[in-house]
Amino acid sequence: MKKGLFITFEGIDGCGKTTQIKLLKETLEKQGEKVLLTREPGAKGLGEKLREILLNYEGEVSSNCESFLFLADRAQHIDTIIRPAIDTGYIVICDRHTDSTVAYQGYGRKLDLEQIHYLNNIATNGIKPDLTFILDIDVETSIQRIGNARDRMESSGIDFFNCVREGYIEISKQEPNRVKLLNGNDSIENLHKQIMDYIENLSADA
């Protein structure tokens, strides 16, 4: 791969993102690639402070405020971490990005989707992932995997997460070239192989 790539992972909590991200990073580094692993919210620096507010603030947070905090984190993340890494040839792997805001705040919190897309575009300066993997699991499985230790977002209720999941499925239908919907209940090995196949095809087409 001669140029940097931007790859994101999405899905409701407990879908297996962390495992697949770790495997992908290890595989790409073994192939000699420069890899940067990051996340939203909570990238190094200011993002860590915003993540603490978003996930652990105990008072009421309005849906609009929540959305703008995620967007502020994203703008800082793109400008100070993601864009510079891509420009210097890194493959950036990000745990959550713009599709999370669409799924969680748009479909989950019922905010205006057109407005969210518009604001996402401002926050990212038009930068979009080359590939996005959504690991799809049902909400009951998600709850079982998370257990009782839940942050503010994870405590939003079954109906909320059903809407988020449906949002992710809709996103995959709207942008099939970029977004790949994978069965999160598949084996770790099969999922990793599917992910690598998509990345290698993307590289071959570049």
C-alpha atoms as a PDB file:
ATOM      1  CA  MET A   1       0.000   0.000   0.000  1.00  0.00           C
ATOM      2  CA  LYS A   2       1.637   3.239  -1.185  1.00  0.00           C
ATOM      3  CA  LYS A   3      -0.734   5.672   0.488  1.00  0.00           C
ATOM      4  CA  GLY A   4      -2.414   5.834   3.862  1.00  0.00           C
ATOM      5  CA  LEU A   5      -5.804   4.298   4.484  1.00  0.00           C
ATOM      6  CA  PHE A   6      -8.591   5.156   6.868  1.00  0.00           C
ATOM      7  CA  ILE A   7     -10.498   2.134   8.220  1.00  0.00           C
ATOM      8  CA  THR A   8     -13.273   2.338  10.819  1.00  0.00           C
ATOM      9  CA  PHE A   9     -15.094  -0.238  12.913  1.00  0.00           C
ATOM     10  CA  GLU A  10     -18.691   0.175  14.053  1.00  0.00           C
ATOM     11  CA  GLY A  11     -21.453  -1.723  15.844  1.00  0.00           C
ATOM     12  CA  ILE A  12     -23.398  -1.807  19.085  1.00  0.00           C
ATOM     13  CA  ASP A  13     -21.478  -2.529  22.269  1.00  0.00           C
ATOM     14  CA  GLY A  14     -20.196  -6.059  22.681  1.00  0.00           C
ATOM     15  CA  CYS A  15     -20.127  -6.735  18.926  1.00  0.00           C
ATOM     16  CA  GLY A  16     -16.457  -7.789  18.912  1.00  0.00           C
ATOM     17  CA  LYS A  17     -14.853  -4.638  17.483  1.00  0.00           C
ATOM     18  CA  THR A  18     -11.966  -4.630  19.946  1.00  0.00           C
ATOM     19  CA  THR A  19     -10.896  -8.172  19.073  1.00  0.00           C
ATOM     20  CA  GLN A  20     -11.023  -7.596  15.314  1.00  0.00           C
ATOM     21  CA  ILE A  21      -9.229  -4.257  15.546  1.00  0.00           C
ATOM     22  CA  LYS A  22      -6.384  -5.859  17.499  1.00  0.00           C
ATOM     23  CA  LEU A  23      -6.092  -8.734  15.018  1.00  0.00           C
ATOM     24  CA  LEU A  24      -6.107  -6.388  12.045  1.00  0.00           C
ATOM     25  CA  LYS A  25      -3.405  -4.192  13.542  1.00  0.00           C
ATOM     26  CA  GLU A  26      -1.186  -7.211  14.238  1.00  0.00           C
ATOM     27  CA  THR A  27      -1.663  -8.637  10.734  1.00  0.00           C
ATOM     28  CA  LEU A  28      -0.966  -5.361   8.947  1.00  0.00           C
ATOM     29  CA  GLU A  29       2.139  -4.679  11.023  1.00  0.00           C
ATOM     30  CA  LYS A  30       3.456  -8.155  10.199  1.00  0.00           C
ATOM     31  CA  GLN A  31       3.038  -7.193   6.537  1.00  0.00           C
ATOM     32  CA  GLY A  32       5.258  -4.181   7.140  1.00  0.00           C
ATOM     33  CA  GLU A  33       2.550  -1.516   7.221  1.00  0.00           C
ATOM     34  CA  LYS A  34       2.624   1.529   9.483  1.00  0.00           C
ATOM     35  CA  VAL A  35      -0.540   1.329  11.593  1.00  0.00           C
ATOM     36  CA  LEU A  36      -2.146   3.876  13.916  1.00  0.00           C
ATOM     37  CA  LEU A  37      -4.878   2.624  16.233  1.00  0.00           C
ATOM     38  CA  THR A  38      -7.240   5.262  17.622  1.00  0.00           C
ATOM     39  CA  ARG A  39     -10.838   5.696  18.821  1.00  0.00           C
ATOM     40  CA  GLU A  40     -13.817   8.004  19.139  1.00  0.00           C
ATOM     41  CA  PRO A  41     -14.554   9.473  21.502  1.00  0.00           C
ATOM     42  CA  GLY A  42     -11.339   9.619  23.436  1.00  0.00           C
ATOM     43  CA  ALA A  43      -8.321   9.916  21.160  1.00  0.00           C
ATOM     44  CA  LYS A  44      -5.124  11.018  22.885  1.00  0.00           C
ATOM     45  CA  GLY A  45      -5.196  14.512  24.358  1.00  0.00           C
ATOM     46  CA  LEU A  46      -8.356  16.615  24.467  1.00  0.00           C
ATOM     47  CA  GLY A  47     -10.413  13.629  23.304  1.00  0.00           C
ATOM     48  CA  GLU A  48      -9.717  11.807  26.567  1.00  0.00           C
ATOM     49  CA  LYS A  49     -11.339  14.647  28.511  1.00  0.00           C
ATOM     50  CA  LEU A  50     -14.378  14.673  26.211  1.00  0.00           C
ATOM     51  CA  ARG A  51     -14.742  10.893  26.496  1.00  0.00           C
ATOM     52  CA  GLU A  52     -14.880  11.156  30.283  1.00  0.00           C
ATOM     53  CA  ILE A  53     -17.769  13.617  30.031  1.00  0.00           C
ATOM     54  CA  LEU A  54     -19.647  11.674  27.367  1.00  0.00           C
ATOM     55  CA  LEU A  55     -19.462   8.281  29.047  1.00  0.00           C
ATOM     56  CA  ASN A  56     -19.402   9.062  32.752  1.00  0.00           C
ATOM     57  CA  TYR A  57     -21.108  12.412  33.425  1.00  0.00           C
ATOM     58  CA  GLU A  58     -23.813  11.695  36.008  1.00  0.00           C
ATOM     59  CA  GLY A  59     -26.116  14.641  35.305  1.00  0.00           C
ATOM     60  CA  GLU A  60     -28.574  15.122  32.476  1.00  0.00           C
ATOM     61  CA  VAL A  61     -27.075  15.533  29.003  1.00  0.00           C
ATOM     62  CA  SER A  62     -29.404  16.752  26.268  1.00  0.00           C
ATOM     63  CA  SER A  63     -29.376  14.865  22.960  1.00  0.00           C
ATOM     64  CA  ASN A  64     -28.161  17.949  21.094  1.00  0.00           C
ATOM     65  CA  CYS A  65     -25.387  18.570  23.608  1.00  0.00           C
ATOM     66  CA  GLU A  66     -24.323  14.920  23.377  1.00  0.00           C
ATOM     67  CA  SER A  67     -24.187  15.162  19.604  1.00  0.00           C
ATOM     68  CA  PHE A  68     -22.093  18.341  19.616  1.00  0.00           C
ATOM     69  CA  LEU A  69     -19.630  16.877  22.123  1.00  0.00           C
ATOM     70  CA  PHE A  70     -19.065  13.901  19.832  1.00  0.00           C
ATOM     71  CA  LEU A  71     -18.625  16.280  16.896  1.00  0.00           C
ATOM     72  CA  ALA A  72     -16.133  18.440  18.797  1.00  0.00           C
ATOM     73  CA  ASP A  73     -14.111  15.347  19.648  1.00  0.00           C
ATOM     74  CA  ARG A  74     -14.227  14.308  15.978  1.00  0.00           C
ATOM     75  CA  ALA A  75     -13.028  17.670  14.645  1.00  0.00           C
ATOM     76  CA  GLN A  76     -10.041  17.634  17.007  1.00  0.00           C
ATOM     77  CA  HIS A  77      -9.344  13.999  16.147  1.00  0.00           C
ATOM     78  CA  ILE A  78      -9.361  14.533  12.373  1.00  0.00           C
ATOM     79  CA  ASP A  79      -7.205  17.660  12.438  1.00  0.00           C
ATOM     80  CA  THR A  80      -4.563  16.583  14.954  1.00  0.00           C
ATOM     81  CA  ILE A  81      -4.329  12.796  14.599  1.00  0.00           C
ATOM     82  CA  ILE A  82      -6.121  11.146  11.661  1.00  0.00           C
ATOM     83  CA  ARG A  83      -5.286  13.471   8.748  1.00  0.00           C
ATOM     84  CA  PRO A  84      -1.554  13.839   9.636  1.00  0.00           C
ATOM     85  CA  ALA A  85      -1.204  10.053   9.956  1.00  0.00           C
ATOM     86  CA  ILE A  86      -2.897   9.313   6.626  1.00  0.00           C
ATOM     87  CA  ASP A  87      -0.805  11.990   4.907  1.00  0.00           C
ATOM     88  CA  THR A  88       2.383  10.262   6.072  1.00  0.00           C
ATOM     89  CA  GLY A  89       1.336   6.815   4.842  1.00  0.00           C
ATOM     90  CA  TYR A  90      -0.193   5.265   7.945  1.00  0.00           C
ATOM     91  CA  ILE A  91      -3.152   2.927   7.897  1.00  0.00           C
ATOM     92  CA  VAL A  92      -5.431   4.484  10.506  1.00  0.00           C
ATOM     93  CA  ILE A  93      -7.789   2.071  12.269  1.00  0.00           C
ATOM     94  CA  CYS A  94     -10.457   3.908  14.248  1.00  0.00           C
ATOM     95  CA  ASP A  95     -12.857   2.385  16.766  1.00  0.00           C
ATOM     96  CA  ARG A  96     -16.044   4.349  15.906  1.00  0.00           C
ATOM     97  CA  HIS A  97     -16.366   7.447  13.741  1.00  0.00           C
ATOM     98  CA  THR A  98     -19.086   9.383  11.880  1.00  0.00           C
ATOM     99  CA  ASP A  99     -21.398   6.388  11.471  1.00  0.00           C
ATOM    100  CA  SER A 100     -21.674   6.124  15.257  1.00  0.00           C
ATOM    101  CA  THR A 101     -23.144   9.613  15.422  1.00  0.00           C
ATOM    102  CA  VAL A 102     -25.615   8.755  12.675  1.00  0.00           C
ATOM    103  CA  ALA A 103     -26.627   5.484  14.352  1.00  0.00           C
ATOM    104  CA  TYR A 104     -26.647   6.588  18.002  1.00  0.00           C
ATOM    105  CA  GLN A 105     -27.743  10.217  17.846  1.00  0.00           C
ATOM    106  CA  GLY A 106     -29.711  10.015  14.586  1.00  0.00           C
ATOM    107  CA  TYR A 107     -31.491   6.676  14.742  1.00  0.00           C
ATOM    108  CA  GLY A 108     -31.155   6.176  18.508  1.00  0.00           C
ATOM    109  CA  ARG A 109     -31.855   9.676  19.861  1.00  0.00           C
ATOM    110  CA  LYS A 110     -34.074  10.598  16.853  1.00  0.00           C
ATOM    111  CA  LEU A 111     -32.153  13.727  15.909  1.00  0.00           C
ATOM    112  CA  ASP A 112     -32.432  15.071  12.374  1.00  0.00           C
ATOM    113  CA  LEU A 113     -30.373  12.800  10.091  1.00  0.00           C
ATOM    114  CA  GLU A 114     -29.782  15.400   7.386  1.00  0.00           C
ATOM    115  CA  GLN A 115     -28.464  17.806   9.996  1.00  0.00           C
ATOM    116  CA  ILE A 116     -26.172  15.144  11.470  1.00  0.00           C
ATOM    117  CA  HIS A 117     -24.689  14.369   8.048  1.00  0.00           C
ATOM    118  CA  TYR A 118     -24.132  18.088   7.463  1.00  0.00           C
ATOM    119  CA  LEU A 119     -22.411  18.573  10.832  1.00  0.00           C
ATOM    120  CA  ASN A 120     -20.333  15.410  10.399  1.00  0.00           C
ATOM    121  CA  ASN A 121     -19.060  16.789   7.112  1.00  0.00           C
ATOM    122  CA  ILE A 122     -18.009  20.021   8.815  1.00  0.00           C
ATOM    123  CA  ALA A 123     -16.291  18.177  11.673  1.00  0.00           C
ATOM    124  CA  THR A 124     -14.326  15.926   9.313  1.00  0.00           C
ATOM    125  CA  ASN A 125     -13.616  18.522   6.602  1.00  0.00           C
ATOM    126  CA  GLY A 126     -15.088  16.031   4.153  1.00  0.00           C
ATOM    127  CA  ILE A 127     -12.698  13.194   5.028  1.00  0.00           C
ATOM    128  CA  LYS A 128     -14.424   9.801   4.879  1.00  0.00           C
ATOM    129  CA  PRO A 129     -13.180   6.300   5.734  1.00  0.00           C
ATOM    130  CA  ASP A 130     -11.971   4.154   2.849  1.00  0.00           C
ATOM    131  CA  LEU A 131     -13.631   1.145   4.481  1.00  0.00           C
ATOM    132  CA  THR A 132     -16.036   0.731   7.376  1.00  0.00           C
ATOM    133  CA  PHE A 133     -16.816  -2.602   9.022  1.00  0.00           C
ATOM    134  CA  ILE A 134     -20.048  -2.937  10.982  1.00  0.00           C
ATOM    135  CA  LEU A 135     -20.133  -6.007  13.208  1.00  0.00           C
ATOM    136  CA  ASP A 136     -23.805  -6.833  13.618  1.00  0.00           C
ATOM    137  CA  ILE A 137     -25.206  -8.636  16.660  1.00  0.00           C
ATOM    138  CA  ASP A 138     -28.663  -8.611  18.240  1.00  0.00           C
ATOM    139  CA  VAL A 139     -29.309  -6.454  21.291  1.00  0.00           C
ATOM    140  CA  GLU A 140     -29.852  -9.425  23.611  1.00  0.00           C
ATOM    141  CA  THR A 141     -26.362 -10.710  22.786  1.00  0.00           C
ATOM    142  CA  SER A 142     -24.959  -7.227  23.309  1.00  0.00           C
ATOM    143  CA  ILE A 143     -26.485  -7.003  26.797  1.00  0.00           C
ATOM    144  CA  GLN A 144     -25.119 -10.423  27.744  1.00  0.00           C
ATOM    145  CA  ARG A 145     -21.612  -9.521  26.615  1.00  0.00           C
ATOM    146  CA  ILE A 146     -21.547  -6.105  28.315  1.00  0.00           C
ATOM    147  CA  GLY A 147     -22.684  -7.410  31.698  1.00  0.00           C
ATOM    148  CA  ASN A 148     -23.575  -5.123  34.578  1.00  0.00           C
ATOM    149  CA  ALA A 149     -20.679  -2.654  34.356  1.00  0.00           C
ATOM    150  CA  ARG A 150     -22.167  -0.104  31.942  1.00  0.00           C
ATOM    151  CA  ASP A 151     -21.277   3.484  31.143  1.00  0.00           C
ATOM    152  CA  ARG A 152     -23.826   6.228  30.454  1.00  0.00           C
ATOM    153  CA  MET A 153     -24.273   5.340  26.781  1.00  0.00           C
ATOM    154  CA  GLU A 154     -24.489   1.605  27.460  1.00  0.00           C
ATOM    155  CA  SER A 155     -27.324   2.211  29.934  1.00  0.00           C
ATOM    156  CA  SER A 156     -29.713   3.699  27.359  1.00  0.00           C
ATOM    157  CA  GLY A 157     -32.123   0.741  27.178  1.00  0.00           C
ATOM    158  CA  ILE A 158     -33.172  -2.048  24.807  1.00  0.00           C
ATOM    159  CA  ASP A 159     -35.440   0.066  22.589  1.00  0.00           C
ATOM    160  CA  PHE A 160     -32.663   2.594  22.063  1.00  0.00           C
ATOM    161  CA  PHE A 161     -30.155  -0.054  21.023  1.00  0.00           C
ATOM    162  CA  ASN A 162     -32.628  -1.757  18.693  1.00  0.00           C
ATOM    163  CA  CYS A 163     -32.970   1.592  16.923  1.00  0.00           C
ATOM    164  CA  VAL A 164     -29.174   1.987  16.807  1.00  0.00           C
ATOM    165  CA  ARG A 165     -28.763  -1.486  15.324  1.00  0.00           C
ATOM    166  CA  GLU A 166     -31.425  -0.777  12.700  1.00  0.00           C
ATOM    167  CA  GLY A 167     -29.591   2.455  11.933  1.00  0.00           C
ATOM    168  CA  TYR A 168     -26.346   0.632  11.289  1.00  0.00           C
ATOM    169  CA  ILE A 169     -28.094  -1.814   8.960  1.00  0.00           C
ATOM    170  CA  GLU A 170     -29.611   1.105   7.051  1.00  0.00           C
ATOM    171  CA  ILE A 171     -26.206   2.801   6.765  1.00  0.00           C
ATOM    172  CA  SER A 172     -24.763  -0.365   5.220  1.00  0.00           C
ATOM    173  CA  LYS A 173     -27.557  -0.354   2.618  1.00  0.00           C
ATOM    174  CA  GLN A 174     -26.998   3.293   1.743  1.00  0.00           C
ATOM    175  CA  GLU A 175     -23.221   3.010   1.211  1.00  0.00           C
ATOM    176  CA  PRO A 176     -22.452  -0.612   0.234  1.00  0.00           C
ATOM    177  CA  ASN A 177     -19.135   0.234  -1.424  1.00  0.00           C
ATOM    178  CA  ARG A 178     -17.686   1.731   1.751  1.00  0.00           C
ATOM    179  CA  VAL A 179     -19.639  -0.020   4.493  1.00  0.00           C
ATOM    180  CA  LYS A 180     -19.450  -3.791   4.982  1.00  0.00           C
ATOM    181  CA  LEU A 181     -22.003  -5.391   7.303  1.00  0.00           C
ATOM    182  CA  LEU A 182     -20.560  -8.524   8.922  1.00  0.00           C
ATOM    183  CA  ASN A 183     -22.162 -11.126  11.171  1.00  0.00           C
ATOM    184  CA  GLY A 184     -20.703 -10.436  14.590  1.00  0.00           C
ATOM    185  CA  ASN A 185     -21.664 -13.938  15.738  1.00  0.00           C
ATOM    186  CA  ASP A 186     -19.333 -15.524  13.181  1.00  0.00           C
ATOM    187  CA  SER A 187     -16.057 -16.980  14.446  1.00  0.00           C
ATOM    188  CA  ILE A 188     -13.165 -14.639  15.183  1.00  0.00           C
ATOM    189  CA  GLU A 189     -11.110 -16.322  12.460  1.00  0.00           C
ATOM    190  CA  ASN A 190     -13.808 -16.041   9.773  1.00  0.00           C
ATOM    191  CA  LEU A 191     -14.460 -12.401  10.564  1.00  0.00           C
ATOM    192  CA  HIS A 192     -10.765 -11.583  10.386  1.00  0.00           C
ATOM    193  CA  LYS A 193     -10.468 -13.327   7.014  1.00  0.00           C
ATOM    194  CA  GLN A 194     -13.443 -11.398   5.609  1.00  0.00           C
ATOM    195  CA  ILE A 195     -11.959  -8.120   6.839  1.00  0.00           C
ATOM    196  CA  MET A 196      -8.549  -8.870   5.313  1.00  0.00           C
ATOM    197  CA  ASP A 197     -10.146  -9.861   1.999  1.00  0.00           C
ATOM    198  CA  TYR A 198     -11.949  -6.523   1.777  1.00  0.00           C
ATOM    199  CA  ILE A 199      -8.774  -4.579   2.630  1.00  0.00           C
ATOM    200  CA  GLU A 200      -6.644  -6.490   0.120  1.00  0.00           C
ATOM    201  CA  ASN A 201      -9.255  -5.915  -2.605  1.00  0.00           C
ATOM    202  CA  LEU A 202      -9.277  -2.220  -1.779  1.00  0.00           C
ATOM    203  CA  SER A 203      -5.494  -2.102  -1.990  1.00  0.00           C
ATOM    204  CA  ALA A 204      -5.509  -3.920  -5.329  1.00  0.00           C
ATOM    205  CA  ASP A 205      -7.970  -1.385  -6.756  1.00  0.00           C
ATOM    206  CA  ALA A 206      -6.002   1.620  -5.516  1.00  0.00           C
END
